[in-house]
Amino acid sequence: MVQGLKNGRYLSIGKGDARKSILLASDIATLVPKLVNKGGIYNVCDDIHPSFKELELLICKQLGRDLPYSIPYWFAKNLARVGDFLGNKAPLNSIKLSKITNSLTFNNEKIKRELGWTPLNVLENYKI
């Protein structure tokens, strides 16, 4: 997303309201020492689950760029169908469209409870 916004090769799709669980690298650095002796399986993510639109706004502000153009979902869906015939090298296909437009979030309560960890707010702490 950052590279696409930087070089002007990024289009927003629809309202950009799909939410994703993400994590800052600095959060991983604070977790590793805590996990060395504990072990276990945890969902490690932020509490915010920012939308694509929120991330676009944040990145564009830091880059000093205008928001990207947005294309309607129906138009992107038709482009994705064409991309399905072109193969994996197409910039957009149905699988990629689904990843961009569907939310994917995880619950991090277990790691917060068991290790006393609190992730940084991605929208307040992300720096390019």
C-alpha atoms as a PDB file:
ATOM      1  CA  MET A   1       0.000   0.000   0.000  1.00  0.00           C
ATOM      2  CA  VAL A   2       2.779   2.423   0.928  1.00  0.00           C
ATOM      3  CA  GLN A   3       4.681   1.798  -2.315  1.00  0.00           C
ATOM      4  CA  GLY A   4       1.502   2.079  -4.383  1.00  0.00           C
ATOM      5  CA  LEU A   5       0.543   5.365  -2.742  1.00  0.00           C
ATOM      6  CA  LYS A   6       4.113   6.632  -3.072  1.00  0.00           C
ATOM      7  CA  ASN A   7       4.359   5.970  -6.792  1.00  0.00           C
ATOM      8  CA  GLY A   8       0.738   6.786  -7.668  1.00  0.00           C
ATOM      9  CA  ARG A   9      -0.174   3.208  -8.605  1.00  0.00           C
ATOM     10  CA  TYR A  10      -2.818   2.624  -5.988  1.00  0.00           C
ATOM     11  CA  LEU A  11      -6.590   2.757  -6.333  1.00  0.00           C
ATOM     12  CA  SER A  12      -8.998   2.606  -3.464  1.00  0.00           C
ATOM     13  CA  ILE A  13     -11.926   0.239  -3.937  1.00  0.00           C
ATOM     14  CA  GLY A  14     -15.376   1.264  -2.824  1.00  0.00           C
ATOM     15  CA  LYS A  15     -15.569   2.884   0.596  1.00  0.00           C
ATOM     16  CA  GLY A  16     -12.399   1.180   1.852  1.00  0.00           C
ATOM     17  CA  ASP A  17     -14.226  -0.024   4.937  1.00  0.00           C
ATOM     18  CA  ALA A  18     -12.655  -3.506   5.167  1.00  0.00           C
ATOM     19  CA  ARG A  19     -10.843  -3.833   8.501  1.00  0.00           C
ATOM     20  CA  LYS A  20      -7.595  -5.712   9.049  1.00  0.00           C
ATOM     21  CA  SER A  21      -5.726  -6.774  12.158  1.00  0.00           C
ATOM     22  CA  ILE A  22      -2.182  -5.497  11.866  1.00  0.00           C
ATOM     23  CA  LEU A  23       0.775  -5.072  14.186  1.00  0.00           C
ATOM     24  CA  LEU A  24       3.709  -2.719  14.477  1.00  0.00           C
ATOM     25  CA  ALA A  25       7.193  -4.252  14.348  1.00  0.00           C
ATOM     26  CA  SER A  26       8.028  -2.539  17.642  1.00  0.00           C
ATOM     27  CA  ASP A  27       5.200  -4.520  19.285  1.00  0.00           C
ATOM     28  CA  ILE A  28       6.813  -7.758  18.141  1.00  0.00           C
ATOM     29  CA  ALA A  29      10.108  -6.624  19.649  1.00  0.00           C
ATOM     30  CA  THR A  30       8.458  -6.093  23.047  1.00  0.00           C
ATOM     31  CA  LEU A  31       6.710  -9.467  22.868  1.00  0.00           C
ATOM     32  CA  VAL A  32       9.635 -11.731  22.000  1.00  0.00           C
ATOM     33  CA  PRO A  33      11.318 -11.526  25.436  1.00  0.00           C
ATOM     34  CA  LYS A  34       7.982 -12.229  27.143  1.00  0.00           C
ATOM     35  CA  LEU A  35       7.320 -15.264  24.943  1.00  0.00           C
ATOM     36  CA  VAL A  36      10.758 -16.874  25.343  1.00  0.00           C
ATOM     37  CA  ASN A  37       9.896 -18.421  28.698  1.00  0.00           C
ATOM     38  CA  LYS A  38       6.127 -18.636  28.241  1.00  0.00           C
ATOM     39  CA  GLY A  39       5.536 -20.179  24.818  1.00  0.00           C
ATOM     40  CA  GLY A  40       2.060 -20.872  23.510  1.00  0.00           C
ATOM     41  CA  ILE A  41      -0.114 -19.924  20.591  1.00  0.00           C
ATOM     42  CA  TYR A  42      -1.518 -16.411  20.487  1.00  0.00           C
ATOM     43  CA  ASN A  43      -3.221 -14.040  18.095  1.00  0.00           C
ATOM     44  CA  VAL A  44      -0.885 -11.074  18.025  1.00  0.00           C
ATOM     45  CA  CYS A  45      -2.492  -7.970  16.589  1.00  0.00           C
ATOM     46  CA  ASP A  46      -3.562  -4.444  17.339  1.00  0.00           C
ATOM     47  CA  ASP A  47      -6.747  -3.452  19.145  1.00  0.00           C
ATOM     48  CA  ILE A  48      -7.783  -0.967  16.472  1.00  0.00           C
ATOM     49  CA  HIS A  49      -8.257  -3.115  13.336  1.00  0.00           C
ATOM     50  CA  PRO A  50      -7.974  -0.099  11.018  1.00  0.00           C
ATOM     51  CA  SER A  51      -9.897   0.116   7.781  1.00  0.00           C
ATOM     52  CA  PHE A  52      -8.193   0.479   4.420  1.00  0.00           C
ATOM     53  CA  LYS A  53      -9.509   4.066   4.272  1.00  0.00           C
ATOM     54  CA  GLU A  54      -7.968   4.896   7.677  1.00  0.00           C
ATOM     55  CA  LEU A  55      -4.625   3.465   6.553  1.00  0.00           C
ATOM     56  CA  GLU A  56      -4.807   5.342   3.243  1.00  0.00           C
ATOM     57  CA  LEU A  57      -5.464   8.618   5.098  1.00  0.00           C
ATOM     58  CA  LEU A  58      -2.574   8.018   7.488  1.00  0.00           C
ATOM     59  CA  ILE A  59      -0.087   7.070   4.791  1.00  0.00           C
ATOM     60  CA  CYS A  60      -1.098   9.868   2.415  1.00  0.00           C
ATOM     61  CA  LYS A  61      -0.775  12.406   5.226  1.00  0.00           C
ATOM     62  CA  GLN A  62       2.747  11.197   6.031  1.00  0.00           C
ATOM     63  CA  LEU A  63       3.715  11.207   2.359  1.00  0.00           C
ATOM     64  CA  GLY A  64       2.140  14.626   1.747  1.00  0.00           C
ATOM     65  CA  ARG A  65       0.002  13.170  -1.038  1.00  0.00           C
ATOM     66  CA  ASP A  66      -3.647  13.406  -1.975  1.00  0.00           C
ATOM     67  CA  LEU A  67      -5.943  10.485  -1.317  1.00  0.00           C
ATOM     68  CA  PRO A  68      -5.970   7.950  -4.144  1.00  0.00           C
ATOM     69  CA  TYR A  69      -8.790   7.716  -6.639  1.00  0.00           C
ATOM     70  CA  SER A  70     -11.534   5.351  -5.627  1.00  0.00           C
ATOM     71  CA  ILE A  71     -13.259   3.015  -8.043  1.00  0.00           C
ATOM     72  CA  PRO A  72     -16.696   1.536  -7.352  1.00  0.00           C
ATOM     73  CA  TYR A  73     -16.812  -2.047  -6.137  1.00  0.00           C
ATOM     74  CA  TRP A  74     -18.863  -3.197  -9.147  1.00  0.00           C
ATOM     75  CA  PHE A  75     -16.168  -1.864 -11.485  1.00  0.00           C
ATOM     76  CA  ALA A  76     -13.402  -3.564  -9.485  1.00  0.00           C
ATOM     77  CA  LYS A  77     -15.416  -6.815  -9.555  1.00  0.00           C
ATOM     78  CA  ASN A  78     -15.535  -6.685 -13.368  1.00  0.00           C
ATOM     79  CA  LEU A  79     -11.803  -5.940 -13.545  1.00  0.00           C
ATOM     80  CA  ALA A  80     -11.194  -8.897 -11.230  1.00  0.00           C
ATOM     81  CA  ARG A  81     -13.151 -11.197 -13.554  1.00  0.00           C
ATOM     82  CA  VAL A  82     -10.899 -10.146 -16.425  1.00  0.00           C
ATOM     83  CA  GLY A  83      -7.895 -10.711 -14.152  1.00  0.00           C
ATOM     84  CA  ASP A  84      -9.130 -14.251 -13.431  1.00  0.00           C
ATOM     85  CA  PHE A  85      -8.590 -15.077 -17.101  1.00  0.00           C
ATOM     86  CA  LEU A  86      -5.156 -13.415 -17.191  1.00  0.00           C
ATOM     87  CA  GLY A  87      -3.785 -15.423 -14.254  1.00  0.00           C
ATOM     88  CA  ASN A  88      -1.814 -14.559 -11.125  1.00  0.00           C
ATOM     89  CA  LYS A  89       0.194 -11.820 -12.814  1.00  0.00           C
ATOM     90  CA  ALA A  90      -2.916  -9.674 -13.233  1.00  0.00           C
ATOM     91  CA  PRO A  91      -2.910  -6.695 -10.863  1.00  0.00           C
ATOM     92  CA  LEU A  92      -6.420  -7.659  -9.745  1.00  0.00           C
ATOM     93  CA  ASN A  93      -8.326 -10.927  -9.731  1.00  0.00           C
ATOM     94  CA  SER A  94     -11.193 -12.294  -7.631  1.00  0.00           C
ATOM     95  CA  ILE A  95      -8.907 -13.641  -4.908  1.00  0.00           C
ATOM     96  CA  LYS A  96      -7.025 -10.344  -4.561  1.00  0.00           C
ATOM     97  CA  LEU A  97     -10.285  -8.383  -4.604  1.00  0.00           C
ATOM     98  CA  SER A  98     -11.688 -10.545  -1.841  1.00  0.00           C
ATOM     99  CA  LYS A  99      -8.592  -9.954   0.309  1.00  0.00           C
ATOM    100  CA  ILE A 100      -8.870  -6.197  -0.198  1.00  0.00           C
ATOM    101  CA  THR A 101     -12.601  -5.820   0.363  1.00  0.00           C
ATOM    102  CA  ASN A 102     -13.316  -8.337   3.148  1.00  0.00           C
ATOM    103  CA  SER A 103     -12.449  -7.675   6.766  1.00  0.00           C
ATOM    104  CA  LEU A 104     -10.069 -10.027   8.560  1.00  0.00           C
ATOM    105  CA  THR A 105      -9.638  -9.370  12.267  1.00  0.00           C
ATOM    106  CA  PHE A 106      -8.474 -11.433  15.215  1.00  0.00           C
ATOM    107  CA  ASN A 107      -9.014 -11.350  18.959  1.00  0.00           C
ATOM    108  CA  ASN A 108      -5.863 -10.663  20.990  1.00  0.00           C
ATOM    109  CA  GLU A 109      -7.425 -10.893  24.465  1.00  0.00           C
ATOM    110  CA  LYS A 110      -5.552 -14.099  25.409  1.00  0.00           C
ATOM    111  CA  ILE A 111      -2.076 -12.616  24.950  1.00  0.00           C
ATOM    112  CA  LYS A 112      -3.099  -9.390  26.662  1.00  0.00           C
ATOM    113  CA  ARG A 113      -4.495 -11.297  29.625  1.00  0.00           C
ATOM    114  CA  GLU A 114      -1.720 -13.902  29.972  1.00  0.00           C
ATOM    115  CA  LEU A 115       1.287 -11.655  29.307  1.00  0.00           C
ATOM    116  CA  GLY A 116      -0.051  -8.273  30.388  1.00  0.00           C
ATOM    117  CA  TRP A 117       0.751  -6.926  26.940  1.00  0.00           C
ATOM    118  CA  THR A 118      -0.980  -4.000  25.276  1.00  0.00           C
ATOM    119  CA  PRO A 119      -0.325  -3.257  21.600  1.00  0.00           C
ATOM    120  CA  LEU A 120       0.432   0.243  20.426  1.00  0.00           C
ATOM    121  CA  ASN A 121      -2.305   2.072  18.565  1.00  0.00           C
ATOM    122  CA  VAL A 122      -1.331   1.570  14.934  1.00  0.00           C
ATOM    123  CA  LEU A 123      -3.053   4.723  13.719  1.00  0.00           C
ATOM    124  CA  GLU A 124      -1.196   6.832  16.283  1.00  0.00           C
ATOM    125  CA  ASN A 125       2.228   5.163  16.112  1.00  0.00           C
ATOM    126  CA  TYR A 126       2.845   4.026  12.530  1.00  0.00           C
ATOM    127  CA  LYS A 127       5.622   5.950  10.833  1.00  0.00           C
ATOM    128  CA  ILE A 128       6.846   5.374   7.324  1.00  0.00           C
END
